[in-house]
Protein backbone atom coordinates (compact mmCIF):
# COMPACT_ATOMS: atom_id res chain seq x y z
CA UNK A 1 0.00 0.00 0.00
CA UNK A 2 1.27 3.50 -0.87
CA UNK A 3 0.64 6.91 0.69
CA UNK A 4 -2.60 7.43 -1.27
CA UNK A 5 -3.92 4.05 -0.16
CA UNK A 6 -3.27 4.98 3.47
CA UNK A 7 -5.06 8.32 3.19
CA UNK A 8 -7.99 6.70 1.40
CA UNK A 9 -8.18 4.19 4.23
CA UNK A 10 -8.38 7.16 6.63
CA UNK A 11 -11.18 8.66 4.50
CA UNK A 12 -13.19 5.43 4.70
CA UNK A 13 -12.68 5.30 8.46
CA UNK A 14 -13.89 8.89 8.80
CA UNK A 15 -17.23 8.02 7.19
CA UNK A 16 -18.01 5.76 10.16
CA UNK A 17 -18.75 8.89 12.18
CA UNK A 18 -21.57 10.00 9.86
CA UNK A 19 -24.59 11.13 11.83
CA UNK A 20 -22.81 10.98 15.20
CA UNK A 21 -20.20 13.76 15.31
CA UNK A 22 -22.12 16.87 14.17
CA UNK A 23 -21.45 19.72 14.30
CA UNK A 24 -17.85 18.45 14.41
CA UNK A 25 -16.16 17.21 11.21
CA UNK A 26 -15.70 13.64 10.02
CA UNK A 27 -12.06 12.65 10.58
CA UNK A 28 -10.14 9.42 10.09
CA UNK A 29 -6.53 8.55 10.95
CA UNK A 30 -4.10 5.73 10.13
CA UNK A 31 -0.70 5.12 11.72
CA UNK A 32 1.94 3.25 9.70
CA UNK A 33 5.34 1.91 10.80
CA UNK A 34 7.78 -0.07 8.65
CA UNK A 35 5.13 -0.37 5.94
CA UNK A 36 2.52 -1.82 8.29
CA UNK A 37 -0.64 -0.30 9.74
CA UNK A 38 -0.17 -0.41 13.50
CA UNK A 39 -3.15 1.73 14.50
CA UNK A 40 -6.21 3.42 13.10
CA UNK A 41 -9.22 5.32 14.34
CA UNK A 42 -11.90 7.89 13.61
CA UNK A 43 -13.93 10.54 15.39
CA UNK A 44 -16.85 8.38 16.50
CA UNK A 45 -19.13 10.75 18.43
CA UNK A 46 -19.49 14.39 19.35
CA UNK A 47 -17.59 15.06 22.57
CA UNK A 48 -15.56 11.85 22.20
CA UNK A 49 -11.89 11.40 21.40
CA UNK A 50 -10.71 12.67 18.04
CA UNK A 51 -9.45 10.38 15.30
CA UNK A 52 -5.75 10.84 16.10
CA UNK A 53 -6.15 9.89 19.76
CA UNK A 54 -8.32 6.89 18.89
CA UNK A 55 -5.72 5.75 16.35
CA UNK A 56 -2.90 6.11 18.89
CA UNK A 57 -4.91 4.22 21.51
CA UNK A 58 -5.36 1.33 19.07
CA UNK A 59 -1.65 0.94 18.28
CA UNK A 60 -0.37 -2.64 18.49
CA UNK A 61 3.17 -1.40 19.12
CA UNK A 62 5.02 1.82 19.89
CA UNK A 63 4.22 4.58 17.36
CA UNK A 64 7.67 6.14 17.90
CA UNK A 65 9.04 7.11 14.48
CA UNK A 66 5.79 6.18 12.68
CA UNK A 67 3.83 8.05 9.99
CA UNK A 68 0.34 9.42 10.62
CA UNK A 69 -2.22 9.93 7.86
CA UNK A 70 -5.11 12.15 8.96
CA UNK A 71 -7.92 13.58 6.85
CA UNK A 72 -8.07 16.95 8.65
CA UNK A 73 -5.42 19.15 10.24
CA UNK A 74 -4.93 18.08 13.88
CA UNK A 75 -6.50 20.40 16.45
CA UNK A 76 -4.25 22.43 18.71
CA UNK A 77 -6.76 23.87 21.21
CA UNK A 78 -8.63 22.63 24.24
CA UNK A 79 -12.30 21.90 23.57
CA UNK A 80 -14.24 18.88 24.75
CA UNK A 81 -10.94 16.97 24.40
CA UNK A 82 -7.25 17.98 24.71
CA UNK A 83 -5.30 19.05 21.60
CA UNK A 84 -4.39 16.24 19.22
CA UNK A 85 -1.08 17.94 18.48
CA UNK A 86 -0.01 17.17 22.06
CA UNK A 87 -0.82 13.48 21.63
CA UNK A 88 1.09 13.33 18.33
CA UNK A 89 4.17 14.93 19.88
CA UNK A 90 4.05 12.69 22.96
CA UNK A 91 3.78 9.58 20.76
CA UNK A 92 6.94 10.41 18.83
CA UNK A 93 5.29 10.46 15.40
CA UNK A 94 7.89 11.35 12.77
CA UNK A 95 5.80 12.27 9.70
CA UNK A 96 2.24 13.54 9.32
CA UNK A 97 0.24 13.57 6.07
CA UNK A 98 -2.71 16.01 6.31
CA UNK A 99 -5.64 15.97 3.88
CA UNK A 100 -7.82 19.04 4.55
CA UNK A 101 -6.84 22.31 6.17
CA UNK A 102 -9.08 23.19 9.11
CA UNK A 103 -10.93 26.51 8.53
CA UNK A 104 -11.82 26.73 12.22
CA UNK A 105 -10.12 29.96 13.41
CA UNK A 106 -8.96 28.07 16.51
CA UNK A 107 -6.85 25.83 14.27
CA UNK A 108 -6.44 27.28 10.72
CA UNK A 109 -2.81 26.31 10.14
CA UNK A 110 -1.74 26.48 13.78
CA UNK A 111 -1.89 22.69 14.21
CA UNK A 112 0.45 22.03 11.29
CA UNK A 113 2.77 24.84 12.44
CA UNK A 114 3.10 23.37 15.95
CA UNK A 115 4.05 19.99 14.52
CA UNK A 116 6.66 21.50 12.18
CA UNK A 117 8.16 23.57 14.97
CA UNK A 118 8.64 20.37 16.94
CA UNK A 119 10.65 18.85 14.07
CA UNK A 120 7.91 16.65 12.58
CA UNK A 121 7.83 16.30 8.80
CA UNK A 122 4.41 17.64 7.74
CA UNK A 123 2.89 17.15 4.26
CA UNK A 124 -0.27 19.20 3.78
CA UNK A 125 -3.03 19.08 1.14
CA UNK A 126 -2.49 15.37 0.50
CA UNK A 127 -5.55 14.13 -1.45
CA UNK A 128 -7.11 17.38 -0.31
CA UNK A 129 -10.03 17.38 -2.75
CA UNK A 130 -11.16 13.93 -1.59
CA UNK A 131 -10.75 14.88 2.06
CA UNK A 132 -12.54 18.23 1.59
CA UNK A 133 -15.52 16.42 0.06
CA UNK A 134 -16.02 14.61 3.37
CA UNK A 135 -16.69 17.81 5.25
CA UNK A 136 -18.35 20.36 2.95
CA UNK A 137 -21.17 20.92 5.51
CA UNK A 138 -18.67 21.40 8.37
CA UNK A 139 -16.53 23.85 6.40
CA UNK A 140 -19.61 25.89 5.48
CA UNK A 141 -20.95 25.93 9.04
CA UNK A 142 -17.67 26.74 10.78
CA UNK A 143 -16.96 29.71 8.49
CA UNK A 144 -20.52 31.14 8.35
CA UNK A 145 -22.12 29.95 11.61
CA UNK A 146 -25.26 28.85 9.79
CA UNK A 147 -26.26 25.45 8.41
CA UNK A 148 -25.20 23.99 5.10
CA UNK A 149 -28.47 23.29 3.27
CA UNK A 150 -29.08 20.45 0.82
CA UNK A 151 -32.38 20.52 -1.06
CA UNK A 152 -33.85 17.09 -1.81
CA UNK A 153 -36.82 16.16 -3.96
CA UNK A 154 -38.18 13.25 -5.99
CA UNK A 155 -39.74 14.01 -9.36
CA UNK A 156 -40.98 12.16 -12.41
CA UNK A 157 -39.19 12.12 -15.75
CA UNK A 158 -41.40 15.09 -16.74
CA UNK A 159 -40.55 17.07 -13.61
CA UNK A 160 -43.64 16.52 -11.44
CA UNK A 161 -43.70 15.82 -7.69
CA UNK A 162 -47.38 14.82 -7.65
CA UNK A 163 -50.27 14.13 -9.98
CA UNK A 164 -53.04 16.63 -10.75
CA UNK A 165 -54.96 15.19 -7.77
CA UNK A 166 -52.01 15.67 -5.43
CA UNK A 167 -51.08 11.96 -5.18
CA UNK A 168 -47.34 11.42 -4.84
CA UNK A 169 -46.73 7.95 -3.40
CA UNK A 170 -44.64 6.63 -4.90
CA UNK A 171 -42.62 8.47 -7.56
CA UNK A 172 -39.39 6.58 -6.88
CA UNK A 173 -38.65 2.96 -6.07
CA UNK A 174 -37.87 1.37 -2.71
CA UNK A 175 -34.10 1.54 -3.24
CA UNK A 176 -34.24 5.30 -3.83
CA UNK A 177 -36.44 5.79 -0.78
CA UNK A 178 -33.99 3.88 1.40
CA UNK A 179 -31.21 6.15 0.15
CA UNK A 180 -33.25 9.16 1.32
CA UNK A 181 -33.17 7.77 4.85
CA UNK A 182 -29.40 7.43 4.60
CA UNK A 183 -29.34 11.12 3.68
CA UNK A 184 -31.49 11.96 6.69
CA UNK A 185 -28.91 10.19 8.85
CA UNK A 186 -26.17 12.33 7.28
CA UNK A 187 -27.76 15.72 8.00
CA UNK A 188 -28.41 17.19 11.45
CA UNK A 189 -31.79 18.61 10.62
CA UNK A 190 -34.62 18.10 8.15
CA UNK A 191 -36.72 21.07 7.08
CA UNK A 192 -40.16 21.22 5.48
CA UNK A 193 -43.06 23.61 5.00
CA UNK A 194 -46.46 23.43 6.64
CA UNK A 195 -48.05 22.43 3.32
CA UNK A 196 -46.16 19.13 3.43
CA UNK A 197 -47.25 18.58 7.03
CA UNK A 198 -50.94 19.25 6.33
CA UNK A 199 -50.95 17.11 3.18
CA UNK A 200 -48.99 14.07 4.39
CA UNK A 201 -48.76 14.18 8.23
CA UNK A 202 -45.16 12.92 8.01
CA UNK A 203 -42.82 11.89 10.83
CA UNK A 204 -39.72 13.15 8.97
CA UNK A 205 -37.68 10.54 10.81
CA UNK A 206 -34.86 8.25 9.73
CA UNK A 207 -36.39 4.80 9.24
CA UNK A 208 -33.32 2.58 8.96
CA UNK A 209 -34.16 0.38 11.91
CA UNK A 210 -30.63 0.44 13.36
CA UNK A 211 -31.24 2.67 16.36
CA UNK A 212 -29.25 5.54 14.85
CA UNK A 213 -29.85 9.26 15.12
CA UNK A 214 -32.94 11.01 13.85
CA UNK A 215 -32.53 14.54 12.50
CA UNK A 216 -34.04 17.53 14.26
CA UNK A 217 -37.29 18.46 12.44
CA UNK A 218 -37.70 22.12 11.41
CA UNK A 219 -41.09 23.29 10.11
CA UNK A 220 -41.79 26.65 8.50
CA UNK A 221 -45.36 27.50 9.54
CA UNK A 222 -45.93 31.24 9.29
CA UNK A 223 -49.54 31.07 10.59
CA UNK A 224 -48.94 28.29 13.14
CA UNK A 225 -51.43 25.91 11.53
CA UNK A 226 -49.71 22.68 12.57
CA UNK A 227 -52.25 20.36 14.26
CA UNK A 228 -51.50 19.39 17.85
CA UNK A 229 -52.42 15.81 16.95
CA UNK A 230 -49.93 15.62 14.06
CA UNK A 231 -47.24 12.95 14.17
CA UNK A 232 -44.57 15.62 14.36
CA UNK A 233 -46.01 17.25 17.47
CA UNK A 234 -46.91 13.97 19.14
CA UNK A 235 -43.30 12.76 18.78
CA UNK A 236 -41.62 16.05 19.75
CA UNK A 237 -40.40 14.79 23.12
CA UNK A 238 -38.63 11.87 21.44
CA UNK A 239 -37.36 13.64 18.30
CA UNK A 240 -36.76 17.41 18.58
CA UNK A 241 -39.20 19.60 16.66
CA UNK A 242 -38.62 23.29 15.90
CA UNK A 243 -41.38 25.43 14.41
CA UNK A 244 -40.72 28.83 12.83
CA UNK A 245 -43.75 31.13 12.72
CA UNK A 246 -44.91 34.74 12.52
CA UNK A 247 -48.17 34.06 14.36
CA UNK A 248 -48.70 35.77 17.71
CA UNK A 249 -50.91 32.98 19.03
CA UNK A 250 -49.76 32.64 22.65
CA UNK A 251 -52.28 29.89 23.43
CA UNK A 252 -51.24 27.67 20.51
CA UNK A 253 -47.57 28.36 21.21
CA UNK A 254 -48.01 27.32 24.84
CA UNK A 255 -49.84 24.15 23.81
CA UNK A 256 -47.03 23.23 21.42
CA UNK A 257 -44.36 23.93 24.03
CA UNK A 258 -46.26 21.70 26.45
CA UNK A 259 -45.76 18.92 23.88
CA UNK A 260 -42.01 19.59 23.78
CA UNK A 261 -41.91 21.79 20.66
CA UNK A 262 -39.46 24.70 20.40
CA UNK A 263 -41.27 27.63 18.72
CA UNK A 264 -39.43 30.52 17.06
CA UNK A 265 -41.62 33.61 16.59
CA UNK A 266 -40.47 36.15 13.99
CA UNK A 267 -41.82 39.60 13.20
CA UNK A 268 -43.73 40.31 9.99
CA UNK A 269 -45.93 38.16 7.78
CA UNK A 270 -43.26 35.96 6.21
CA UNK A 271 -40.57 33.93 7.96
CA UNK A 272 -37.17 35.62 7.40
CA UNK A 273 -35.27 32.55 6.22
CA UNK A 274 -31.74 33.99 6.68
CA UNK A 275 -32.63 34.83 10.30
CA UNK A 276 -33.98 31.33 10.78
CA UNK A 277 -30.70 29.87 9.46
CA UNK A 278 -28.77 32.09 11.87
CA UNK A 279 -30.96 30.91 14.74
CA UNK A 280 -30.33 27.27 13.83
CA UNK A 281 -26.62 27.99 13.62
CA UNK A 282 -26.71 29.40 17.15
CA UNK A 283 -28.21 26.08 18.23
CA UNK A 284 -25.24 24.28 16.60
CA UNK A 285 -27.33 22.82 13.79
CA UNK A 286 -24.63 22.61 11.13
CA UNK A 287 -26.52 20.99 8.26
CA UNK A 288 -30.09 20.79 6.98
CA UNK A 289 -31.76 18.48 4.47
CA UNK A 290 -34.48 20.61 2.88
CA UNK A 291 -37.55 18.52 1.99
CA UNK A 292 -39.86 21.46 1.56
CA UNK A 293 -42.61 21.80 -0.97
CA UNK A 294 -42.22 23.94 -4.08
CA UNK A 295 -42.83 27.27 -2.34
CA UNK A 296 -40.28 26.72 0.45
CA UNK A 297 -37.73 25.36 -2.02
CA UNK A 298 -38.19 28.43 -4.20
CA UNK A 299 -37.85 30.81 -1.25
CA UNK A 300 -34.68 29.11 0.02
CA UNK A 301 -33.11 29.21 -3.45
CA UNK A 302 -34.10 32.84 -3.95
CA UNK A 303 -32.49 33.73 -0.61
CA UNK A 304 -29.24 32.01 -1.65
CA UNK A 305 -29.48 29.54 1.22
CA UNK A 306 -29.10 26.25 -0.70
CA UNK A 307 -25.65 24.74 -1.21
CA UNK A 308 -26.50 21.31 -2.68
CA UNK A 309 -29.35 19.66 -4.58
CA UNK A 310 -30.33 15.98 -4.53
CA UNK A 311 -32.72 15.37 -7.45
CA UNK A 312 -34.19 11.87 -7.59
CA UNK A 313 -35.80 11.17 -10.97
CA UNK A 314 -38.32 8.34 -10.96
CA UNK A 315 -39.22 6.31 -14.04
CA UNK A 316 -42.74 7.74 -14.35
CA UNK A 317 -44.53 10.48 -16.31
CA UNK A 318 -47.51 12.27 -14.73
CA UNK A 319 -48.28 15.16 -17.08
CA UNK A 320 -50.93 17.71 -16.17
CA UNK A 321 -51.15 21.49 -16.38
CA UNK A 322 -51.33 22.14 -12.64
CA UNK A 323 -49.40 19.15 -11.27
CA UNK A 324 -46.81 20.42 -8.78
CA UNK A 325 -43.11 20.77 -9.55
CA UNK A 326 -40.13 20.70 -7.13
CA UNK A 327 -39.60 24.48 -7.23
CA UNK A 328 -42.54 26.82 -7.68
CA UNK A 329 -42.73 30.45 -6.57
CA UNK A 330 -42.60 33.18 -9.17
CA UNK A 331 -39.78 31.60 -11.12
CA UNK A 332 -37.23 33.48 -13.22
CA UNK A 333 -37.61 35.48 -16.44
CA UNK A 334 -34.48 34.35 -18.28
CA UNK A 335 -32.40 31.13 -18.29
CA UNK A 336 -29.30 33.17 -17.41
CA UNK A 337 -30.91 34.07 -14.07
CA UNK A 338 -30.90 30.44 -12.89
CA UNK A 339 -28.68 29.50 -9.97
CA UNK A 340 -25.56 27.89 -11.44
CA UNK A 341 -25.20 24.20 -10.65
CA UNK A 342 -22.23 21.86 -10.95
CA UNK A 343 -22.92 18.13 -11.27
CA UNK A 344 -21.11 16.48 -8.35
CA UNK A 345 -22.20 12.86 -8.82
CA UNK A 346 -24.85 10.55 -10.20
CA UNK A 347 -26.21 7.28 -8.87
CA UNK A 348 -28.53 4.67 -10.33
CA UNK A 349 -31.18 2.94 -8.23
CA UNK A 350 -32.84 0.44 -10.54
CA UNK A 351 -34.70 2.60 -13.08
CA UNK A 352 -34.33 5.73 -10.94
CA UNK A 353 -31.51 8.26 -11.28
CA UNK A 354 -30.10 10.53 -8.58
CA UNK A 355 -28.34 13.68 -9.74
CA UNK A 356 -26.38 15.54 -7.06
CA UNK A 357 -25.51 19.17 -7.79
CA UNK A 358 -23.46 21.74 -5.94
CA UNK A 359 -24.95 25.23 -6.08
CA UNK A 360 -22.15 27.56 -7.10
CA UNK A 361 -21.64 30.90 -5.37
CA UNK A 362 -22.30 33.82 -7.69
CA UNK A 363 -18.61 34.66 -8.04
CA UNK A 364 -17.87 31.12 -9.28
CA UNK A 365 -20.90 31.04 -11.54
CA UNK A 366 -19.88 34.11 -13.51
């Protein structure tokens, strides 16, 4: 195995922390001595030991003089755990390969500098693009203090999310629907509009049956119409539920809070979505899977709050003049006004296709 193989092994290890470390990043580490892996680890849960310390703890022999491969720059500050740079120095590691640079101001190059000053050979940006891909939501959150938002929808081959009568189950096949639940595990929160709630009475939970984490549910409900008997409200004490509203209905708000719901009340007639994202960021919600209806999707896109799009295309055609589409709202006047997308990946689920796009910032789109 060569250096790239070792870093790719660290990348695969890092993925084991998916859904358990937020808002921290996914990190994996491999320790090699005399051409042999003697230890490896990953950041397994928020508040737990970081990847480097877990890898050192797993070593089968002394790591003195060994090489460490780590997907993210080692931390050098005290947080919920001591600095990883201290553990690396104490272990006598000789060489460190670093994948991603940590944009956290508490680290941001300081970790690598401390190691170099101690005489350790440090190679930065090794397979950086692959390592960066692991933590796009973390990088966005840590630099902006608001969640990274991925918009997800399932549509037919002719771009419909429901028939003329409003029926939508099912557009995609079972394999695609299982993948959606894997996505829900990946993101800290799931966000929808009140229209979805009133139409489908969803749980918005992660139904994988493995006892893993459910995302926080966030509902945009400007007039506070959510029924107290809805599945979301009835499960609020087991799975956190946040409701954003502009309604000044103290009685309904109190009834929801009695059920365990956290209600955010904003001024005006329309929920200020950037303010809502800031509020979620303050609560350390670093990533959101947006499963809103067409109006909420349009509003989030218009506000520039969407960073990724997951478009599942089912092998069906619905037709219809008024059948709903994934993004409604007013729409744009000219094709050039569209948000610029970059195709990041595609996947095939039987006859269904998933297209994953990154939404480019305006400066990159031009």
